């Protein structure tokens, strides 16, 4: 175990190590792990242990762009207990990953541009202290994998992914994910780039597409938008819906 010292400002010297037993999960699945604590040089009353699911999000404010960390789920995993000097304490936990959690890994590989994590907080001596960010790898739902594979078959090439601050219709998150692609195959004649966003729920998901003809995502006259729904009990319907959406987007701007 690799313990990290917390509460140094309060002289507690308490150390913590959070271990995720399944750091690779899908939305809707249960993340499991254990928080290990080791006491310092005196007895302390721990008032609570909290875990935050966090994400690094890009924020635009006027001409300024910067990245910040957003918590999108906070869960208490332990209440009050006594941590005696030098003693070790372990607290197992289970957290259900929200359906709208963005994808941060595909095929066992981290998704470039994405950073999700689990942060441990310890309530001690009337104050909170946060540990480091333990990486969290969220894999696509089967229906999301189906859409991603369909884009690959259509010739689109992955460019990057990121999280943008803002709320989309039908979403409860304070940010949304954009997975960006270079257009390829037959679609290179119509689009330069394509942005993909998922809004997932327990039974179905919305797929949002935005395409650009001449590199002008910020210029409304040069982009096109479409949104369709994929049911989890019929993911194969995504192939036809995806092609239909792309054709509609091309026709809408006179690109087809």
C-alpha atoms as a PDB file:
ATOM      1  CA  UNK A   1       0.000   0.000   0.000  1.00  0.00           C
ATOM      2  CA  UNK A   2       1.120   3.542  -0.757  1.00  0.00           C
ATOM      3  CA  UNK A   3      -0.057   5.843   2.026  1.00  0.00           C
ATOM      4  CA  UNK A   4      -0.344   9.587   1.526  1.00  0.00           C
ATOM      5  CA  UNK A   5      -0.103  11.866   4.527  1.00  0.00           C
ATOM      6  CA  UNK A   6      -3.097  14.117   5.167  1.00  0.00           C
ATOM      7  CA  UNK A   7      -3.971  16.823   7.652  1.00  0.00           C
ATOM      8  CA  UNK A   8      -0.390  18.002   8.016  1.00  0.00           C
ATOM      9  CA  UNK A   9      -1.672  21.505   8.729  1.00  0.00           C
ATOM     10  CA  UNK A  10      -3.444  20.179  11.815  1.00  0.00           C
ATOM     11  CA  UNK A  11      -0.530  18.119  13.048  1.00  0.00           C
ATOM     12  CA  UNK A  12      -2.468  14.868  12.774  1.00  0.00           C
ATOM     13  CA  UNK A  13      -0.104  12.941  10.547  1.00  0.00           C
ATOM     14  CA  UNK A  14      -2.934  10.639   9.446  1.00  0.00           C
ATOM     15  CA  UNK A  15      -2.148   8.677   6.286  1.00  0.00           C
ATOM     16  CA  UNK A  16      -4.565   7.357   3.679  1.00  0.00           C
ATOM     17  CA  UNK A  17      -4.455   4.925   0.754  1.00  0.00           C
ATOM     18  CA  UNK A  18      -7.503   4.397  -1.482  1.00  0.00           C
ATOM     19  CA  UNK A  19      -7.452   1.205  -3.533  1.00  0.00           C
ATOM     20  CA  UNK A  20      -9.917   0.693  -6.389  1.00  0.00           C
ATOM     21  CA  UNK A  21     -10.554  -2.998  -6.991  1.00  0.00           C
ATOM     22  CA  UNK A  22     -12.172  -2.355 -10.382  1.00  0.00           C
ATOM     23  CA  UNK A  23     -10.942   0.990 -11.677  1.00  0.00           C
ATOM     24  CA  UNK A  24     -12.296   0.071 -15.127  1.00  0.00           C
ATOM     25  CA  UNK A  25     -16.111   0.267 -15.019  1.00  0.00           C
ATOM     26  CA  UNK A  26     -19.041   1.222 -17.245  1.00  0.00           C
ATOM     27  CA  UNK A  27     -21.779   3.743 -16.496  1.00  0.00           C
ATOM     28  CA  UNK A  28     -24.432   2.145 -14.292  1.00  0.00           C
ATOM     29  CA  UNK A  29     -21.968  -0.366 -12.831  1.00  0.00           C
ATOM     30  CA  UNK A  30     -20.664  -0.437  -9.254  1.00  0.00           C
ATOM     31  CA  UNK A  31     -17.184   0.840  -8.432  1.00  0.00           C
ATOM     32  CA  UNK A  32     -15.676  -1.060  -5.498  1.00  0.00           C
ATOM     33  CA  UNK A  33     -12.652  -0.418  -3.361  1.00  0.00           C
ATOM     34  CA  UNK A  34     -11.299   0.167   0.099  1.00  0.00           C
ATOM     35  CA  UNK A  35      -9.956   3.224   1.939  1.00  0.00           C
ATOM     36  CA  UNK A  36      -7.038   2.330   4.220  1.00  0.00           C
ATOM     37  CA  UNK A  37      -6.084   4.705   7.037  1.00  0.00           C
ATOM     38  CA  UNK A  38      -3.126   4.705   9.393  1.00  0.00           C
ATOM     39  CA  UNK A  39      -3.135   6.788  12.563  1.00  0.00           C
ATOM     40  CA  UNK A  40      -0.478   9.306  13.499  1.00  0.00           C
ATOM     41  CA  UNK A  41       1.174  10.020  16.808  1.00  0.00           C
ATOM     42  CA  UNK A  42      -2.041  10.497  18.789  1.00  0.00           C
ATOM     43  CA  UNK A  43      -5.671   9.323  18.925  1.00  0.00           C
ATOM     44  CA  UNK A  44      -8.061  11.180  16.630  1.00  0.00           C
ATOM     45  CA  UNK A  45     -11.778  11.153  16.049  1.00  0.00           C
ATOM     46  CA  UNK A  46     -12.522  10.746  12.348  1.00  0.00           C
ATOM     47  CA  UNK A  47     -15.838  12.460  11.653  1.00  0.00           C
ATOM     48  CA  UNK A  48     -16.385  10.951   8.215  1.00  0.00           C
ATOM     49  CA  UNK A  49     -14.884   9.628   5.008  1.00  0.00           C
ATOM     50  CA  UNK A  50     -16.129  10.950   1.681  1.00  0.00           C
ATOM     51  CA  UNK A  51     -15.345  10.031  -1.913  1.00  0.00           C
ATOM     52  CA  UNK A  52     -15.768  12.413  -4.831  1.00  0.00           C
ATOM     53  CA  UNK A  53     -15.939  11.371  -8.469  1.00  0.00           C
ATOM     54  CA  UNK A  54     -14.226  14.192 -10.337  1.00  0.00           C
ATOM     55  CA  UNK A  55     -13.440  15.255 -13.879  1.00  0.00           C
ATOM     56  CA  UNK A  56     -11.102  17.782 -15.466  1.00  0.00           C
ATOM     57  CA  UNK A  57     -13.273  20.186 -17.474  1.00  0.00           C
ATOM     58  CA  UNK A  58     -12.425  22.907 -19.997  1.00  0.00           C
ATOM     59  CA  UNK A  59     -14.039  26.265 -19.247  1.00  0.00           C
ATOM     60  CA  UNK A  60     -14.392  29.183 -21.673  1.00  0.00           C
ATOM     61  CA  UNK A  61     -14.909  32.645 -20.234  1.00  0.00           C
ATOM     62  CA  UNK A  62     -14.779  35.357 -22.853  1.00  0.00           C
ATOM     63  CA  UNK A  63     -11.436  35.002 -24.630  1.00  0.00           C
ATOM     64  CA  UNK A  64     -10.002  32.981 -21.761  1.00  0.00           C
ATOM     65  CA  UNK A  65      -9.832  29.193 -21.662  1.00  0.00           C
ATOM     66  CA  UNK A  66      -8.708  27.154 -18.681  1.00  0.00           C
ATOM     67  CA  UNK A  67      -9.186  23.739 -17.105  1.00  0.00           C
ATOM     68  CA  UNK A  68     -10.651  23.069 -13.692  1.00  0.00           C
ATOM     69  CA  UNK A  69     -11.800  20.068 -11.667  1.00  0.00           C
ATOM     70  CA  UNK A  70     -15.511  19.389 -11.210  1.00  0.00           C
ATOM     71  CA  UNK A  71     -16.987  16.904  -8.758  1.00  0.00           C
ATOM     72  CA  UNK A  72     -20.030  15.135 -10.216  1.00  0.00           C
ATOM     73  CA  UNK A  73     -20.803  12.641  -7.438  1.00  0.00           C
ATOM     74  CA  UNK A  74     -20.068  12.840  -3.711  1.00  0.00           C
ATOM     75  CA  UNK A  75     -20.714   9.891  -1.404  1.00  0.00           C
ATOM     76  CA  UNK A  76     -20.071   9.359   2.280  1.00  0.00           C
ATOM     77  CA  UNK A  77     -18.559   5.916   2.815  1.00  0.00           C
ATOM     78  CA  UNK A  78     -17.986   6.012   6.590  1.00  0.00           C
ATOM     79  CA  UNK A  79     -19.314   7.903   9.581  1.00  0.00           C
ATOM     80  CA  UNK A  80     -17.628   8.706  12.876  1.00  0.00           C
ATOM     81  CA  UNK A  81     -14.979   6.371  14.293  1.00  0.00           C
ATOM     82  CA  UNK A  82     -11.949   6.550  16.555  1.00  0.00           C
ATOM     83  CA  UNK A  83      -8.533   6.200  14.909  1.00  0.00           C
ATOM     84  CA  UNK A  84      -5.990   5.383  17.589  1.00  0.00           C
ATOM     85  CA  UNK A  85      -2.318   6.338  17.311  1.00  0.00           C
ATOM     86  CA  UNK A  86      -0.492   4.178  14.776  1.00  0.00           C
ATOM     87  CA  UNK A  87      -3.525   1.939  14.191  1.00  0.00           C
ATOM     88  CA  UNK A  88      -4.715   0.921  10.737  1.00  0.00           C
ATOM     89  CA  UNK A  89      -8.337   1.084   9.643  1.00  0.00           C
ATOM     90  CA  UNK A  90      -9.899  -0.157   6.396  1.00  0.00           C
ATOM     91  CA  UNK A  91     -13.260   0.975   5.026  1.00  0.00           C
ATOM     92  CA  UNK A  92     -14.666  -0.861   1.990  1.00  0.00           C
ATOM     93  CA  UNK A  93     -17.017   1.060  -0.299  1.00  0.00           C
ATOM     94  CA  UNK A  94     -19.317   0.697  -3.284  1.00  0.00           C
ATOM     95  CA  UNK A  95     -20.322   3.554  -5.586  1.00  0.00           C
ATOM     96  CA  UNK A  96     -22.758   3.255  -8.505  1.00  0.00           C
ATOM     97  CA  UNK A  97     -21.282   5.099 -11.486  1.00  0.00           C
ATOM     98  CA  UNK A  98     -23.817   7.616 -12.878  1.00  0.00           C
ATOM     99  CA  UNK A  99     -25.215   6.806 -16.320  1.00  0.00           C
ATOM    100  CA  UNK A 100     -24.015  10.122 -17.742  1.00  0.00           C
ATOM    101  CA  UNK A 101     -20.403   9.628 -16.645  1.00  0.00           C
ATOM    102  CA  UNK A 102     -18.147  10.408 -19.634  1.00  0.00           C
ATOM    103  CA  UNK A 103     -16.007   7.768 -21.305  1.00  0.00           C
ATOM    104  CA  UNK A 104     -12.341   7.847 -20.322  1.00  0.00           C
ATOM    105  CA  UNK A 105     -11.090   4.546 -21.807  1.00  0.00           C
ATOM    106  CA  UNK A 106     -11.809   2.493 -24.924  1.00  0.00           C
ATOM    107  CA  UNK A 107     -10.622  -1.043 -25.508  1.00  0.00           C
ATOM    108  CA  UNK A 108      -8.565  -0.981 -22.330  1.00  0.00           C
ATOM    109  CA  UNK A 109      -6.666   2.153 -23.373  1.00  0.00           C
ATOM    110  CA  UNK A 110      -7.047   5.637 -21.809  1.00  0.00           C
ATOM    111  CA  UNK A 111      -8.935   8.055 -24.047  1.00  0.00           C
ATOM    112  CA  UNK A 112      -6.622  10.904 -25.011  1.00  0.00           C
ATOM    113  CA  UNK A 113      -7.716  14.206 -23.480  1.00  0.00           C
ATOM    114  CA  UNK A 114      -9.813  12.689 -20.692  1.00  0.00           C
ATOM    115  CA  UNK A 115      -9.061  12.667 -16.969  1.00  0.00           C
ATOM    116  CA  UNK A 116     -11.495  11.226 -14.431  1.00  0.00           C
ATOM    117  CA  UNK A 117     -10.646  10.294 -10.884  1.00  0.00           C
ATOM    118  CA  UNK A 118     -11.701   9.413  -7.361  1.00  0.00           C
ATOM    119  CA  UNK A 119     -10.685  11.791  -4.575  1.00  0.00           C
ATOM    120  CA  UNK A 120     -10.764  10.805  -0.906  1.00  0.00           C
ATOM    121  CA  UNK A 121     -11.726  13.327   1.771  1.00  0.00           C
ATOM    122  CA  UNK A 122     -11.169  12.884   5.483  1.00  0.00           C
ATOM    123  CA  UNK A 123     -13.139  14.876   8.054  1.00  0.00           C
ATOM    124  CA  UNK A 124     -10.904  15.310  11.075  1.00  0.00           C
ATOM    125  CA  UNK A 125     -10.571  17.982  13.757  1.00  0.00           C
ATOM    126  CA  UNK A 126     -13.517  19.892  12.287  1.00  0.00           C
ATOM    127  CA  UNK A 127     -11.857  20.302   8.877  1.00  0.00           C
ATOM    128  CA  UNK A 128     -11.692  18.476   5.544  1.00  0.00           C
ATOM    129  CA  UNK A 129      -8.560  17.385   3.723  1.00  0.00           C
ATOM    130  CA  UNK A 130      -8.402  15.883   0.247  1.00  0.00           C
ATOM    131  CA  UNK A 131      -6.046  13.215  -0.991  1.00  0.00           C
ATOM    132  CA  UNK A 132      -4.637  12.867  -4.481  1.00  0.00           C
ATOM    133  CA  UNK A 133      -6.742  11.941  -7.492  1.00  0.00           C
ATOM    134  CA  UNK A 134      -6.863   8.180  -8.122  1.00  0.00           C
ATOM    135  CA  UNK A 135      -7.453   7.550 -11.858  1.00  0.00           C
ATOM    136  CA  UNK A 136     -10.857   6.218 -12.883  1.00  0.00           C
ATOM    137  CA  UNK A 137     -11.288   4.540 -16.274  1.00  0.00           C
ATOM    138  CA  UNK A 138     -14.874   4.476 -17.513  1.00  0.00           C
ATOM    139  CA  UNK A 139     -15.458   2.218 -20.515  1.00  0.00           C
ATOM    140  CA  UNK A 140     -18.269   2.698 -23.052  1.00  0.00           C
ATOM    141  CA  UNK A 141     -21.640   1.041 -22.699  1.00  0.00           C
ATOM    142  CA  UNK A 142     -22.253  -1.648 -25.366  1.00  0.00           C
ATOM    143  CA  UNK A 143     -24.506   0.762 -27.272  1.00  0.00           C
ATOM    144  CA  UNK A 144     -21.808   3.460 -27.131  1.00  0.00           C
ATOM    145  CA  UNK A 145     -19.240   0.948 -28.389  1.00  0.00           C
ATOM    146  CA  UNK A 146     -21.600   0.185 -31.256  1.00  0.00           C
ATOM    147  CA  UNK A 147     -21.780   3.845 -32.332  1.00  0.00           C
ATOM    148  CA  UNK A 148     -18.017   4.307 -31.992  1.00  0.00           C
ATOM    149  CA  UNK A 149     -17.373   1.179 -34.067  1.00  0.00           C
ATOM    150  CA  UNK A 150     -19.859   2.359 -36.692  1.00  0.00           C
ATOM    151  CA  UNK A 151     -18.013   5.681 -37.068  1.00  0.00           C
ATOM    152  CA  UNK A 152     -14.780   3.755 -37.468  1.00  0.00           C
ATOM    153  CA  UNK A 153     -16.339   1.646 -40.228  1.00  0.00           C
ATOM    154  CA  UNK A 154     -17.538   4.815 -41.950  1.00  0.00           C
ATOM    155  CA  UNK A 155     -13.961   6.110 -42.082  1.00  0.00           C
ATOM    156  CA  UNK A 156     -13.970   8.687 -39.281  1.00  0.00           C
ATOM    157  CA  UNK A 157     -10.644   8.960 -37.438  1.00  0.00           C
ATOM    158  CA  UNK A 158     -10.348   9.819 -33.756  1.00  0.00           C
ATOM    159  CA  UNK A 159      -8.836  13.246 -33.042  1.00  0.00           C
ATOM    160  CA  UNK A 160      -9.291  13.923 -29.300  1.00  0.00           C
ATOM    161  CA  UNK A 161     -11.811  14.100 -26.489  1.00  0.00           C
ATOM    162  CA  UNK A 162     -12.511  16.640 -23.782  1.00  0.00           C
ATOM    163  CA  UNK A 163     -15.153  17.878 -21.366  1.00  0.00           C
ATOM    164  CA  UNK A 164     -16.832  21.242 -21.867  1.00  0.00           C
ATOM    165  CA  UNK A 165     -18.578  23.210 -19.161  1.00  0.00           C
ATOM    166  CA  UNK A 166     -22.324  23.520 -19.783  1.00  0.00           C
ATOM    167  CA  UNK A 167     -25.572  21.571 -19.575  1.00  0.00           C
ATOM    168  CA  UNK A 168     -27.315  19.970 -22.550  1.00  0.00           C
ATOM    169  CA  UNK A 169     -31.023  19.270 -22.883  1.00  0.00           C
ATOM    170  CA  UNK A 170     -31.858  16.028 -21.117  1.00  0.00           C
ATOM    171  CA  UNK A 171     -28.649  16.050 -19.068  1.00  0.00           C
ATOM    172  CA  UNK A 172     -28.103  16.619 -15.357  1.00  0.00           C
ATOM    173  CA  UNK A 173     -24.318  17.033 -15.567  1.00  0.00           C
ATOM    174  CA  UNK A 174     -22.612  20.455 -15.301  1.00  0.00           C
ATOM    175  CA  UNK A 175     -20.445  19.489 -18.292  1.00  0.00           C
ATOM    176  CA  UNK A 176     -20.626  17.378 -21.450  1.00  0.00           C
ATOM    177  CA  UNK A 177     -18.150  15.272 -23.367  1.00  0.00           C
ATOM    178  CA  UNK A 178     -17.089  15.921 -26.945  1.00  0.00           C
ATOM    179  CA  UNK A 179     -15.325  13.124 -28.822  1.00  0.00           C
ATOM    180  CA  UNK A 180     -13.830  14.675 -31.952  1.00  0.00           C
ATOM    181  CA  UNK A 181     -13.157  12.917 -35.243  1.00  0.00           C
ATOM    182  CA  UNK A 182     -11.566  13.704 -38.572  1.00  0.00           C
ATOM    183  CA  UNK A 183     -13.913  12.905 -41.437  1.00  0.00           C
ATOM    184  CA  UNK A 184     -12.826  10.079 -43.709  1.00  0.00           C
ATOM    185  CA  UNK A 185     -14.103   7.827 -46.453  1.00  0.00           C
ATOM    186  CA  UNK A 186     -17.048   9.173 -48.422  1.00  0.00           C
ATOM    187  CA  UNK A 187     -17.724  11.741 -45.702  1.00  0.00           C
ATOM    188  CA  UNK A 188     -14.515  13.641 -46.338  1.00  0.00           C
ATOM    189  CA  UNK A 189     -16.306  15.334 -49.252  1.00  0.00           C
ATOM    190  CA  UNK A 190     -18.937  16.724 -46.884  1.00  0.00           C
ATOM    191  CA  UNK A 191     -17.289  17.326 -43.497  1.00  0.00           C
ATOM    192  CA  UNK A 192     -13.915  18.271 -42.127  1.00  0.00           C
ATOM    193  CA  UNK A 193     -14.599  17.188 -38.553  1.00  0.00           C
ATOM    194  CA  UNK A 194     -17.325  15.602 -36.467  1.00  0.00           C
ATOM    195  CA  UNK A 195     -18.079  15.933 -32.741  1.00  0.00           C
ATOM    196  CA  UNK A 196     -19.863  13.132 -30.877  1.00  0.00           C
ATOM    197  CA  UNK A 197     -21.664  13.465 -27.531  1.00  0.00           C
ATOM    198  CA  UNK A 198     -23.588  10.842 -25.570  1.00  0.00           C
ATOM    199  CA  UNK A 199     -26.333  11.479 -23.004  1.00  0.00           C
ATOM    200  CA  UNK A 200     -26.911   8.070 -21.465  1.00  0.00           C
ATOM    201  CA  UNK A 201     -29.741   6.826 -19.260  1.00  0.00           C
ATOM    202  CA  UNK A 202     -30.703   3.455 -17.792  1.00  0.00           C
ATOM    203  CA  UNK A 203     -32.598   2.181 -20.887  1.00  0.00           C
ATOM    204  CA  UNK A 204     -31.488   4.330 -23.805  1.00  0.00           C
ATOM    205  CA  UNK A 205     -29.125   7.109 -24.807  1.00  0.00           C
ATOM    206  CA  UNK A 206     -29.185  10.168 -27.020  1.00  0.00           C
ATOM    207  CA  UNK A 207     -26.450  10.586 -29.609  1.00  0.00           C
ATOM    208  CA  UNK A 208     -25.578  14.173 -30.555  1.00  0.00           C
ATOM    209  CA  UNK A 209     -23.563  14.934 -33.677  1.00  0.00           C
ATOM    210  CA  UNK A 210     -22.106  18.245 -34.838  1.00  0.00           C
ATOM    211  CA  UNK A 211     -20.234  18.466 -38.127  1.00  0.00           C
ATOM    212  CA  UNK A 212     -18.150  21.227 -39.696  1.00  0.00           C
ATOM    213  CA  UNK A 213     -17.486  21.839 -43.367  1.00  0.00           C
ATOM    214  CA  UNK A 214     -14.648  24.357 -43.290  1.00  0.00           C
ATOM    215  CA  UNK A 215     -13.208  24.252 -39.768  1.00  0.00           C
ATOM    216  CA  UNK A 216     -15.807  26.633 -38.353  1.00  0.00           C
ATOM    217  CA  UNK A 217     -17.453  25.038 -35.333  1.00  0.00           C
ATOM    218  CA  UNK A 218     -18.012  28.522 -33.933  1.00  0.00           C
ATOM    219  CA  UNK A 219     -19.583  29.778 -37.158  1.00  0.00           C
ATOM    220  CA  UNK A 220     -23.220  28.699 -37.333  1.00  0.00           C
ATOM    221  CA  UNK A 221     -23.419  28.987 -41.128  1.00  0.00           C
ATOM    222  CA  UNK A 222     -20.783  26.287 -41.488  1.00  0.00           C
ATOM    223  CA  UNK A 223     -21.908  23.622 -39.036  1.00  0.00           C
ATOM    224  CA  UNK A 224     -24.737  21.119 -38.856  1.00  0.00           C
ATOM    225  CA  UNK A 225     -26.337  19.339 -35.933  1.00  0.00           C
ATOM    226  CA  UNK A 226     -28.355  16.164 -35.383  1.00  0.00           C
ATOM    227  CA  UNK A 227     -29.630  14.174 -32.430  1.00  0.00           C
ATOM    228  CA  UNK A 228     -31.121  10.682 -32.286  1.00  0.00           C
ATOM    229  CA  UNK A 229     -31.923   8.011 -29.691  1.00  0.00           C
ATOM    230  CA  UNK A 230     -30.532   4.487 -29.407  1.00  0.00           C
ATOM    231  CA  UNK A 231     -32.242   1.875 -27.226  1.00  0.00           C
ATOM    232  CA  UNK A 232     -30.002  -0.534 -25.352  1.00  0.00           C
ATOM    233  CA  UNK A 233     -32.196  -3.494 -26.315  1.00  0.00           C
ATOM    234  CA  UNK A 234     -31.648  -2.692 -30.018  1.00  0.00           C
ATOM    235  CA  UNK A 235     -28.150  -1.180 -30.478  1.00  0.00           C
ATOM    236  CA  UNK A 236     -27.991  -2.450 -34.059  1.00  0.00           C
ATOM    237  CA  UNK A 237     -30.458   0.269 -34.998  1.00  0.00           C
ATOM    238  CA  UNK A 238     -27.676   2.775 -34.412  1.00  0.00           C
ATOM    239  CA  UNK A 239     -26.007   1.956 -37.747  1.00  0.00           C
ATOM    240  CA  UNK A 240     -28.936   3.092 -39.854  1.00  0.00           C
ATOM    241  CA  UNK A 241     -29.745   6.004 -37.537  1.00  0.00           C
ATOM    242  CA  UNK A 242     -26.130   7.207 -37.687  1.00  0.00           C
ATOM    243  CA  UNK A 243     -25.935   7.121 -41.481  1.00  0.00           C
ATOM    244  CA  UNK A 244     -29.338   8.802 -41.752  1.00  0.00           C
ATOM    245  CA  UNK A 245     -28.226  11.554 -39.342  1.00  0.00           C
ATOM    246  CA  UNK A 246     -25.013  12.195 -41.288  1.00  0.00           C
ATOM    247  CA  UNK A 247     -26.915  12.374 -44.590  1.00  0.00           C
ATOM    248  CA  UNK A 248     -29.430  14.792 -43.068  1.00  0.00           C
ATOM    249  CA  UNK A 249     -26.639  17.015 -41.797  1.00  0.00           C
ATOM    250  CA  UNK A 250     -24.978  17.081 -45.210  1.00  0.00           C
ATOM    251  CA  UNK A 251     -28.249  17.917 -47.001  1.00  0.00           C
ATOM    252  CA  UNK A 252     -29.194  20.595 -44.489  1.00  0.00           C
ATOM    253  CA  UNK A 253     -26.168  22.717 -45.441  1.00  0.00           C
ATOM    254  CA  UNK A 254     -26.271  21.769 -49.102  1.00  0.00           C
ATOM    255  CA  UNK A 255     -23.138  19.655 -48.740  1.00  0.00           C
ATOM    256  CA  UNK A 256     -24.741  16.538 -50.235  1.00  0.00           C
END
